[in-house]
């Protein structure tokens, strides 16, 4: 939803304004949550340096991904950004020392193959939009490692709060001189955009922080492309080709295969 709204709004507003407005609204939501529950003490955390580091990285991701969607078709961008599970697996293997089993590698490979097929022949020409997508792909993997470093004990709304503040501070100087006041439906769309961005940050962060092993999540990232295709059909008139359908089958299959394997693994562990 956030990707789709970013693409739609970028036709009428500058990228810095979209990022500034969304992060401003999102930080108010997250900040109010923290303050109402814990007061000013809720903003104090021993993991501040990791939050700030993640915030600056998410600034790069948000800037890159919104530019990518504004400059290239959604399928192209997803085809590049969904290489991030591969990068994540490499990073967690060398940095977090987590074991990567054959079945997880296989599920991620199948999902990646599906994303590549879905993107289709668009990769014949490399555009600046795909370069932005490649940049975001690497840093998405890096943020996964940082979340694991922060740990699951951290107060949940702090995870979106610090990145949103960083995004706002970075984009405000560029957005203010060219600010266009949203009118009518666009006001509602900006509010929805802020809500889905914050919701996505909360849910993804919670999943990464609490999952037993990061590698389990990798195949599920590909499900995002299913929603991207659905929104593309109804909002942008992008009718899926046979390559899109085949890619979706592989992506969904990889996710279901991963769920089945984790279920089998869980039963084996608890039967001992």
C-alpha atoms as a PDB file:
ATOM      1  CA  UNK A   1       0.000   0.000   0.000  1.00  0.00           C
ATOM      2  CA  UNK A   2       2.816   2.396   0.854  1.00  0.00           C
ATOM      3  CA  UNK A   3       4.573   1.715  -2.461  1.00  0.00           C
ATOM      4  CA  UNK A   4       1.359   2.208  -4.416  1.00  0.00           C
ATOM      5  CA  UNK A   5       0.486   5.464  -2.657  1.00  0.00           C
ATOM      6  CA  UNK A   6       4.040   6.738  -3.139  1.00  0.00           C
ATOM      7  CA  UNK A   7       3.818   6.065  -6.866  1.00  0.00           C
ATOM      8  CA  UNK A   8       0.403   7.756  -7.106  1.00  0.00           C
ATOM      9  CA  UNK A   9       1.333  10.841  -5.062  1.00  0.00           C
ATOM     10  CA  UNK A  10       4.666  11.321  -6.868  1.00  0.00           C
ATOM     11  CA  UNK A  11       2.736  12.399  -9.963  1.00  0.00           C
ATOM     12  CA  UNK A  12       1.593  15.570  -8.146  1.00  0.00           C
ATOM     13  CA  UNK A  13       4.080  16.166  -5.333  1.00  0.00           C
ATOM     14  CA  UNK A  14       7.848  16.124  -4.936  1.00  0.00           C
ATOM     15  CA  UNK A  15       9.518  13.097  -3.363  1.00  0.00           C
ATOM     16  CA  UNK A  16      10.857  15.153  -0.397  1.00  0.00           C
ATOM     17  CA  UNK A  17       7.340  16.454   0.331  1.00  0.00           C
ATOM     18  CA  UNK A  18       5.879  12.944   0.297  1.00  0.00           C
ATOM     19  CA  UNK A  19       8.584  11.675   2.629  1.00  0.00           C
ATOM     20  CA  UNK A  20       8.470  14.729   4.897  1.00  0.00           C
ATOM     21  CA  UNK A  21       4.670  14.704   5.236  1.00  0.00           C
ATOM     22  CA  UNK A  22       4.439  10.972   5.824  1.00  0.00           C
ATOM     23  CA  UNK A  23       7.259  10.881   8.374  1.00  0.00           C
ATOM     24  CA  UNK A  24       5.871  13.932  10.197  1.00  0.00           C
ATOM     25  CA  UNK A  25       2.443  12.360  10.611  1.00  0.00           C
ATOM     26  CA  UNK A  26       3.910   8.945  11.436  1.00  0.00           C
ATOM     27  CA  UNK A  27       6.264  10.342  14.079  1.00  0.00           C
ATOM     28  CA  UNK A  28       3.303  12.112  15.732  1.00  0.00           C
ATOM     29  CA  UNK A  29       1.409   8.804  15.883  1.00  0.00           C
ATOM     30  CA  UNK A  30       4.411   6.903  17.295  1.00  0.00           C
ATOM     31  CA  UNK A  31       5.475   9.726  19.622  1.00  0.00           C
ATOM     32  CA  UNK A  32       1.966  10.078  21.066  1.00  0.00           C
ATOM     33  CA  UNK A  33       1.842   6.335  21.685  1.00  0.00           C
ATOM     34  CA  UNK A  34       5.141   6.434  23.569  1.00  0.00           C
ATOM     35  CA  UNK A  35       4.318   9.565  25.585  1.00  0.00           C
ATOM     36  CA  UNK A  36       0.809   8.462  26.604  1.00  0.00           C
ATOM     37  CA  UNK A  37       2.088   5.083  27.798  1.00  0.00           C
ATOM     38  CA  UNK A  38       5.431   5.979  29.395  1.00  0.00           C
ATOM     39  CA  UNK A  39       5.832   9.759  29.365  1.00  0.00           C
ATOM     40  CA  UNK A  40       9.149  11.352  28.425  1.00  0.00           C
ATOM     41  CA  UNK A  41      11.053   8.402  29.895  1.00  0.00           C
ATOM     42  CA  UNK A  42       9.656   6.246  27.122  1.00  0.00           C
ATOM     43  CA  UNK A  43      11.950   7.981  24.619  1.00  0.00           C
ATOM     44  CA  UNK A  44      15.092   6.990  26.553  1.00  0.00           C
ATOM     45  CA  UNK A  45      16.694   3.763  25.401  1.00  0.00           C
ATOM     46  CA  UNK A  46      20.113   2.123  25.856  1.00  0.00           C
ATOM     47  CA  UNK A  47      19.964   1.097  22.184  1.00  0.00           C
ATOM     48  CA  UNK A  48      19.849   4.700  20.947  1.00  0.00           C
ATOM     49  CA  UNK A  49      22.944   4.397  18.729  1.00  0.00           C
ATOM     50  CA  UNK A  50      21.425   1.424  16.899  1.00  0.00           C
ATOM     51  CA  UNK A  51      18.119   3.272  16.450  1.00  0.00           C
ATOM     52  CA  UNK A  52      19.901   6.324  15.045  1.00  0.00           C
ATOM     53  CA  UNK A  53      22.011   4.177  12.737  1.00  0.00           C
ATOM     54  CA  UNK A  54      18.886   2.383  11.506  1.00  0.00           C
ATOM     55  CA  UNK A  55      17.147   5.750  11.111  1.00  0.00           C
ATOM     56  CA  UNK A  56      19.841   7.081   8.772  1.00  0.00           C
ATOM     57  CA  UNK A  57      19.813   3.856   6.762  1.00  0.00           C
ATOM     58  CA  UNK A  58      16.026   4.002   6.402  1.00  0.00           C
ATOM     59  CA  UNK A  59      16.431   7.585   5.142  1.00  0.00           C
ATOM     60  CA  UNK A  60      18.505   6.132   2.304  1.00  0.00           C
ATOM     61  CA  UNK A  61      15.989   3.330   1.722  1.00  0.00           C
ATOM     62  CA  UNK A  62      12.956   5.629   1.679  1.00  0.00           C
ATOM     63  CA  UNK A  63      14.638   8.129  -0.631  1.00  0.00           C
ATOM     64  CA  UNK A  64      15.796   5.373  -2.983  1.00  0.00           C
ATOM     65  CA  UNK A  65      12.624   3.310  -3.062  1.00  0.00           C
ATOM     66  CA  UNK A  66      10.232   6.225  -3.595  1.00  0.00           C
ATOM     67  CA  UNK A  67      12.419   7.506  -6.436  1.00  0.00           C
ATOM     68  CA  UNK A  68      12.547   3.995  -7.884  1.00  0.00           C
ATOM     69  CA  UNK A  69       8.755   3.660  -7.951  1.00  0.00           C
ATOM     70  CA  UNK A  70       8.368   7.125  -9.445  1.00  0.00           C
ATOM     71  CA  UNK A  71      10.819   6.334 -12.280  1.00  0.00           C
ATOM     72  CA  UNK A  72      10.209   2.664 -13.086  1.00  0.00           C
ATOM     73  CA  UNK A  73       7.300   0.167 -13.264  1.00  0.00           C
ATOM     74  CA  UNK A  74       6.451  -1.543 -10.006  1.00  0.00           C
ATOM     75  CA  UNK A  75       7.345  -5.035 -11.301  1.00  0.00           C
ATOM     76  CA  UNK A  76      10.815  -3.842 -12.313  1.00  0.00           C
ATOM     77  CA  UNK A  77      11.477  -2.293  -8.924  1.00  0.00           C
ATOM     78  CA  UNK A  78      10.264  -5.370  -7.053  1.00  0.00           C
ATOM     79  CA  UNK A  79      12.415  -7.599  -9.223  1.00  0.00           C
ATOM     80  CA  UNK A  80      15.500  -5.711  -8.008  1.00  0.00           C
ATOM     81  CA  UNK A  81      14.549  -5.046  -4.382  1.00  0.00           C
ATOM     82  CA  UNK A  82      13.600  -8.657  -3.808  1.00  0.00           C
ATOM     83  CA  UNK A  83      17.220  -9.666  -4.083  1.00  0.00           C
ATOM     84  CA  UNK A  84      17.472  -8.381  -0.497  1.00  0.00           C
ATOM     85  CA  UNK A  85      16.621 -11.796   1.037  1.00  0.00           C
ATOM     86  CA  UNK A  86      19.743 -13.208  -0.597  1.00  0.00           C
ATOM     87  CA  UNK A  87      21.799 -10.362   0.841  1.00  0.00           C
ATOM     88  CA  UNK A  88      20.115 -10.869   4.221  1.00  0.00           C
ATOM     89  CA  UNK A  89      20.994 -14.552   4.263  1.00  0.00           C
ATOM     90  CA  UNK A  90      24.634 -13.791   3.508  1.00  0.00           C
ATOM     91  CA  UNK A  91      24.776 -11.119   6.215  1.00  0.00           C
ATOM     92  CA  UNK A  92      23.092 -13.205   8.916  1.00  0.00           C
ATOM     93  CA  UNK A  93      25.363 -16.134   8.092  1.00  0.00           C
ATOM     94  CA  UNK A  94      28.557 -14.104   8.499  1.00  0.00           C
ATOM     95  CA  UNK A  95      27.453 -11.537  11.114  1.00  0.00           C
ATOM     96  CA  UNK A  96      24.796 -13.225  13.254  1.00  0.00           C
ATOM     97  CA  UNK A  97      26.258 -16.724  12.734  1.00  0.00           C
ATOM     98  CA  UNK A  98      22.791 -18.186  12.174  1.00  0.00           C
ATOM     99  CA  UNK A  99      22.543 -21.555  10.473  1.00  0.00           C
ATOM    100  CA  UNK A 100      21.069 -21.443   6.956  1.00  0.00           C
ATOM    101  CA  UNK A 101      19.597 -24.798   6.015  1.00  0.00           C
ATOM    102  CA  UNK A 102      19.132 -26.217   2.542  1.00  0.00           C
ATOM    103  CA  UNK A 103      15.340 -25.833   2.568  1.00  0.00           C
ATOM    104  CA  UNK A 104      15.528 -22.140   3.459  1.00  0.00           C
ATOM    105  CA  UNK A 105      18.027 -21.495   0.696  1.00  0.00           C
ATOM    106  CA  UNK A 106      15.749 -23.392  -1.680  1.00  0.00           C
ATOM    107  CA  UNK A 107      12.622 -21.428  -0.668  1.00  0.00           C
ATOM    108  CA  UNK A 108      14.394 -18.103  -1.101  1.00  0.00           C
ATOM    109  CA  UNK A 109      15.842 -19.195  -4.441  1.00  0.00           C
ATOM    110  CA  UNK A 110      12.405 -20.235  -5.727  1.00  0.00           C
ATOM    111  CA  UNK A 111      10.913 -16.936  -4.581  1.00  0.00           C
ATOM    112  CA  UNK A 112      13.733 -14.965  -6.171  1.00  0.00           C
ATOM    113  CA  UNK A 113      13.289 -16.896  -9.422  1.00  0.00           C
ATOM    114  CA  UNK A 114       9.591 -16.035  -9.355  1.00  0.00           C
ATOM    115  CA  UNK A 115      10.352 -12.339  -8.840  1.00  0.00           C
ATOM    116  CA  UNK A 116      12.824 -12.392 -11.731  1.00  0.00           C
ATOM    117  CA  UNK A 117      10.333 -14.109 -14.062  1.00  0.00           C
ATOM    118  CA  UNK A 118       7.608 -11.681 -12.976  1.00  0.00           C
ATOM    119  CA  UNK A 119       9.780  -8.697 -13.825  1.00  0.00           C
ATOM    120  CA  UNK A 120      10.272 -10.249 -17.243  1.00  0.00           C
ATOM    121  CA  UNK A 121      12.074  -8.582 -20.144  1.00  0.00           C
ATOM    122  CA  UNK A 122      12.044  -5.149 -18.539  1.00  0.00           C
ATOM    123  CA  UNK A 123      15.604  -5.751 -17.326  1.00  0.00           C
ATOM    124  CA  UNK A 124      16.923  -5.365 -20.883  1.00  0.00           C
ATOM    125  CA  UNK A 125      17.492  -1.663 -20.261  1.00  0.00           C
ATOM    126  CA  UNK A 126      18.910  -0.346 -17.011  1.00  0.00           C
ATOM    127  CA  UNK A 127      17.345   2.895 -15.799  1.00  0.00           C
ATOM    128  CA  UNK A 128      18.164   5.210 -12.921  1.00  0.00           C
ATOM    129  CA  UNK A 129      15.026   3.883 -11.212  1.00  0.00           C
ATOM    130  CA  UNK A 130      16.498   0.378 -11.072  1.00  0.00           C
ATOM    131  CA  UNK A 131      19.756   1.754  -9.680  1.00  0.00           C
ATOM    132  CA  UNK A 132      17.760   3.342  -6.862  1.00  0.00           C
ATOM    133  CA  UNK A 133      16.052  -0.035  -6.337  1.00  0.00           C
ATOM    134  CA  UNK A 134      19.419  -1.811  -6.109  1.00  0.00           C
ATOM    135  CA  UNK A 135      20.622   0.660  -3.472  1.00  0.00           C
ATOM    136  CA  UNK A 136      17.492   0.134  -1.392  1.00  0.00           C
ATOM    137  CA  UNK A 137      17.848  -3.650  -1.716  1.00  0.00           C
ATOM    138  CA  UNK A 138      21.238  -3.676   0.005  1.00  0.00           C
ATOM    139  CA  UNK A 139      20.229  -1.366   2.836  1.00  0.00           C
ATOM    140  CA  UNK A 140      16.970  -3.262   3.470  1.00  0.00           C
ATOM    141  CA  UNK A 141      19.141  -6.273   4.255  1.00  0.00           C
ATOM    142  CA  UNK A 142      21.352  -4.176   6.554  1.00  0.00           C
ATOM    143  CA  UNK A 143      18.358  -2.925   8.580  1.00  0.00           C
ATOM    144  CA  UNK A 144      17.342  -6.524   9.225  1.00  0.00           C
ATOM    145  CA  UNK A 145      20.666  -7.124  10.940  1.00  0.00           C
ATOM    146  CA  UNK A 146      20.353  -3.926  12.996  1.00  0.00           C
ATOM    147  CA  UNK A 147      16.881  -4.904  14.234  1.00  0.00           C
ATOM    148  CA  UNK A 148      18.311  -8.219  15.422  1.00  0.00           C
ATOM    149  CA  UNK A 149      21.063  -6.295  17.214  1.00  0.00           C
ATOM    150  CA  UNK A 150      18.499  -4.079  18.979  1.00  0.00           C
ATOM    151  CA  UNK A 151      16.591  -7.151  20.126  1.00  0.00           C
ATOM    152  CA  UNK A 152      12.999  -7.997  20.990  1.00  0.00           C
ATOM    153  CA  UNK A 153      13.054  -6.408  24.456  1.00  0.00           C
ATOM    154  CA  UNK A 154      12.902  -2.872  23.038  1.00  0.00           C
ATOM    155  CA  UNK A 155       9.646  -0.914  23.391  1.00  0.00           C
ATOM    156  CA  UNK A 156       7.815  -1.497  20.100  1.00  0.00           C
ATOM    157  CA  UNK A 157       6.841   2.076  19.024  1.00  0.00           C
ATOM    158  CA  UNK A 158      10.479   3.179  19.333  1.00  0.00           C
ATOM    159  CA  UNK A 159      11.261   1.122  16.242  1.00  0.00           C
ATOM    160  CA  UNK A 160       9.270   3.359  13.847  1.00  0.00           C
ATOM    161  CA  UNK A 161       9.710   6.586  15.851  1.00  0.00           C
ATOM    162  CA  UNK A 162      13.438   7.135  15.326  1.00  0.00           C
ATOM    163  CA  UNK A 163      13.470   6.308  11.574  1.00  0.00           C
ATOM    164  CA  UNK A 164      10.481   8.596  10.972  1.00  0.00           C
ATOM    165  CA  UNK A 165      12.184  11.458  12.809  1.00  0.00           C
ATOM    166  CA  UNK A 166      15.329  10.955  10.714  1.00  0.00           C
ATOM    167  CA  UNK A 167      13.327  10.898   7.467  1.00  0.00           C
ATOM    168  CA  UNK A 168      11.557  14.128   8.451  1.00  0.00           C
ATOM    169  CA  UNK A 169      14.759  15.968   9.379  1.00  0.00           C
ATOM    170  CA  UNK A 170      16.474  14.911   6.165  1.00  0.00           C
ATOM    171  CA  UNK A 171      13.651  15.806   3.761  1.00  0.00           C
ATOM    172  CA  UNK A 172      12.174  18.938   5.377  1.00  0.00           C
ATOM    173  CA  UNK A 173      14.854  21.362   4.035  1.00  0.00           C
ATOM    174  CA  UNK A 174      14.247  20.111   0.486  1.00  0.00           C
ATOM    175  CA  UNK A 175      10.464  19.900   0.777  1.00  0.00           C
ATOM    176  CA  UNK A 176       9.555  23.252   2.337  1.00  0.00           C
ATOM    177  CA  UNK A 177      10.678  25.534  -0.553  1.00  0.00           C
ATOM    178  CA  UNK A 178       8.570  23.554  -3.053  1.00  0.00           C
ATOM    179  CA  UNK A 179       5.713  22.576  -0.744  1.00  0.00           C
ATOM    180  CA  UNK A 180       2.279  22.215  -2.352  1.00  0.00           C
ATOM    181  CA  UNK A 181      -0.698  22.143  -0.007  1.00  0.00           C
ATOM    182  CA  UNK A 182      -2.666  18.907  -0.617  1.00  0.00           C
ATOM    183  CA  UNK A 183      -6.303  19.332  -1.491  1.00  0.00           C
ATOM    184  CA  UNK A 184      -9.393  17.158  -1.188  1.00  0.00           C
ATOM    185  CA  UNK A 185      -8.724  13.433  -1.513  1.00  0.00           C
ATOM    186  CA  UNK A 186      -4.955  13.903  -1.402  1.00  0.00           C
ATOM    187  CA  UNK A 187      -5.161  14.942   2.263  1.00  0.00           C
ATOM    188  CA  UNK A 188      -6.761  11.599   3.077  1.00  0.00           C
ATOM    189  CA  UNK A 189      -4.192   9.755   0.958  1.00  0.00           C
ATOM    190  CA  UNK A 190      -1.306  11.363   2.861  1.00  0.00           C
ATOM    191  CA  UNK A 191      -2.923  10.296   6.158  1.00  0.00           C
ATOM    192  CA  UNK A 192      -3.407   6.749   4.902  1.00  0.00           C
ATOM    193  CA  UNK A 193       0.172   6.714   3.614  1.00  0.00           C
ATOM    194  CA  UNK A 194       1.477   7.672   7.052  1.00  0.00           C
ATOM    195  CA  UNK A 195      -0.643   4.984   8.719  1.00  0.00           C
ATOM    196  CA  UNK A 196       0.439   2.161   6.407  1.00  0.00           C
ATOM    197  CA  UNK A 197       4.101   3.182   6.583  1.00  0.00           C
ATOM    198  CA  UNK A 198       3.998   3.160  10.378  1.00  0.00           C
ATOM    199  CA  UNK A 199       1.990  -0.061  10.411  1.00  0.00           C
ATOM    200  CA  UNK A 200       4.474  -1.704   8.080  1.00  0.00           C
ATOM    201  CA  UNK A 201       7.432  -0.576  10.183  1.00  0.00           C
ATOM    202  CA  UNK A 202       5.782  -1.893  13.341  1.00  0.00           C
ATOM    203  CA  UNK A 203       4.801  -5.297  11.965  1.00  0.00           C
ATOM    204  CA  UNK A 204       7.966  -6.019  10.029  1.00  0.00           C
ATOM    205  CA  UNK A 205      10.129  -4.905  12.937  1.00  0.00           C
ATOM    206  CA  UNK A 206       8.168  -7.031  15.400  1.00  0.00           C
ATOM    207  CA  UNK A 207       8.502 -10.061  13.118  1.00  0.00           C
ATOM    208  CA  UNK A 208      12.253  -9.653  12.620  1.00  0.00           C
ATOM    209  CA  UNK A 209      12.920  -8.967  16.311  1.00  0.00           C
ATOM    210  CA  UNK A 210      10.858 -11.871  17.656  1.00  0.00           C
ATOM    211  CA  UNK A 211      11.393 -14.604  15.069  1.00  0.00           C
ATOM    212  CA  UNK A 212      13.693 -17.371  16.269  1.00  0.00           C
ATOM    213  CA  UNK A 213      15.890 -17.196  13.174  1.00  0.00           C
ATOM    214  CA  UNK A 214      15.933 -14.355  10.624  1.00  0.00           C
ATOM    215  CA  UNK A 215      16.242 -16.713   7.645  1.00  0.00           C
ATOM    216  CA  UNK A 216      12.691 -17.966   8.224  1.00  0.00           C
ATOM    217  CA  UNK A 217      11.261 -14.596   7.161  1.00  0.00           C
ATOM    218  CA  UNK A 218      13.068 -14.252   3.843  1.00  0.00           C
ATOM    219  CA  UNK A 219      10.561 -16.093   1.588  1.00  0.00           C
ATOM    220  CA  UNK A 220       7.621 -14.155   3.019  1.00  0.00           C
ATOM    221  CA  UNK A 221       9.091 -10.880   1.783  1.00  0.00           C
ATOM    222  CA  UNK A 222       8.132 -11.950  -1.732  1.00  0.00           C
ATOM    223  CA  UNK A 223       4.426 -11.859  -0.839  1.00  0.00           C
ATOM    224  CA  UNK A 224       4.666  -8.075  -1.110  1.00  0.00           C
ATOM    225  CA  UNK A 225       4.876  -8.405  -4.865  1.00  0.00           C
ATOM    226  CA  UNK A 226       1.455 -10.101  -4.888  1.00  0.00           C
ATOM    227  CA  UNK A 227      -0.119  -6.988  -3.383  1.00  0.00           C
ATOM    228  CA  UNK A 228       1.902  -4.788  -5.725  1.00  0.00           C
ATOM    229  CA  UNK A 229       0.467  -6.649  -8.705  1.00  0.00           C
ATOM    230  CA  UNK A 230      -3.098  -6.458  -7.378  1.00  0.00           C
ATOM    231  CA  UNK A 231      -2.868  -2.711  -6.733  1.00  0.00           C
ATOM    232  CA  UNK A 232      -1.199  -2.257 -10.114  1.00  0.00           C
ATOM    233  CA  UNK A 233      -4.182  -3.879 -11.857  1.00  0.00           C
ATOM    234  CA  UNK A 234      -6.889  -1.851 -10.136  1.00  0.00           C
ATOM    235  CA  UNK A 235      -5.138   1.507  -9.772  1.00  0.00           C
ATOM    236  CA  UNK A 236      -2.707   1.746 -12.689  1.00  0.00           C
ATOM    237  CA  UNK A 237      -4.301  -0.627 -15.209  1.00  0.00           C
ATOM    238  CA  UNK A 238      -1.266  -2.936 -15.315  1.00  0.00           C
ATOM    239  CA  UNK A 239      -2.778  -6.219 -16.554  1.00  0.00           C
ATOM    240  CA  UNK A 240      -0.545  -9.163 -15.559  1.00  0.00           C
ATOM    241  CA  UNK A 241       1.142 -11.114 -18.342  1.00  0.00           C
ATOM    242  CA  UNK A 242       1.774 -14.864 -18.323  1.00  0.00           C
ATOM    243  CA  UNK A 243       5.214 -14.176 -16.851  1.00  0.00           C
ATOM    244  CA  UNK A 244       3.588 -12.268 -13.993  1.00  0.00           C
ATOM    245  CA  UNK A 245       1.205 -15.143 -13.281  1.00  0.00           C
ATOM    246  CA  UNK A 246       4.024 -17.709 -13.392  1.00  0.00           C
ATOM    247  CA  UNK A 247       6.167 -15.553 -11.134  1.00  0.00           C
ATOM    248  CA  UNK A 248       3.341 -15.176  -8.615  1.00  0.00           C
ATOM    249  CA  UNK A 249       2.820 -18.952  -8.529  1.00  0.00           C
ATOM    250  CA  UNK A 250       6.499 -19.468  -7.687  1.00  0.00           C
ATOM    251  CA  UNK A 251       6.495 -16.678  -5.089  1.00  0.00           C
ATOM    252  CA  UNK A 252       3.391 -17.941  -3.299  1.00  0.00           C
ATOM    253  CA  UNK A 253       4.687 -21.498  -3.583  1.00  0.00           C
ATOM    254  CA  UNK A 254       7.967 -20.516  -1.922  1.00  0.00           C
ATOM    255  CA  UNK A 255       6.094 -18.955   0.982  1.00  0.00           C
ATOM    256  CA  UNK A 256       3.824 -21.985   1.439  1.00  0.00           C
ATOM    257  CA  UNK A 257       6.808 -24.337   1.184  1.00  0.00           C
ATOM    258  CA  UNK A 258       8.618 -22.355   3.864  1.00  0.00           C
ATOM    259  CA  UNK A 259       5.584 -22.468   6.168  1.00  0.00           C
ATOM    260  CA  UNK A 260       5.299 -26.239   5.683  1.00  0.00           C
ATOM    261  CA  UNK A 261       9.006 -26.818   6.343  1.00  0.00           C
ATOM    262  CA  UNK A 262       8.959 -24.742   9.530  1.00  0.00           C
ATOM    263  CA  UNK A 263       5.885 -26.675  10.704  1.00  0.00           C
ATOM    264  CA  UNK A 264       7.686 -29.987  10.092  1.00  0.00           C
ATOM    265  CA  UNK A 265      10.807 -28.670  11.831  1.00  0.00           C
ATOM    266  CA  UNK A 266       8.726 -27.521  14.825  1.00  0.00           C
ATOM    267  CA  UNK A 267       7.039 -30.925  15.165  1.00  0.00           C
ATOM    268  CA  UNK A 268      10.364 -32.741  14.963  1.00  0.00           C
ATOM    269  CA  UNK A 269      11.875 -30.540  17.692  1.00  0.00           C
ATOM    270  CA  UNK A 270       8.918 -31.033  20.054  1.00  0.00           C
ATOM    271  CA  UNK A 271       8.655 -34.762  19.491  1.00  0.00           C
ATOM    272  CA  UNK A 272      12.117 -35.375  20.984  1.00  0.00           C
END
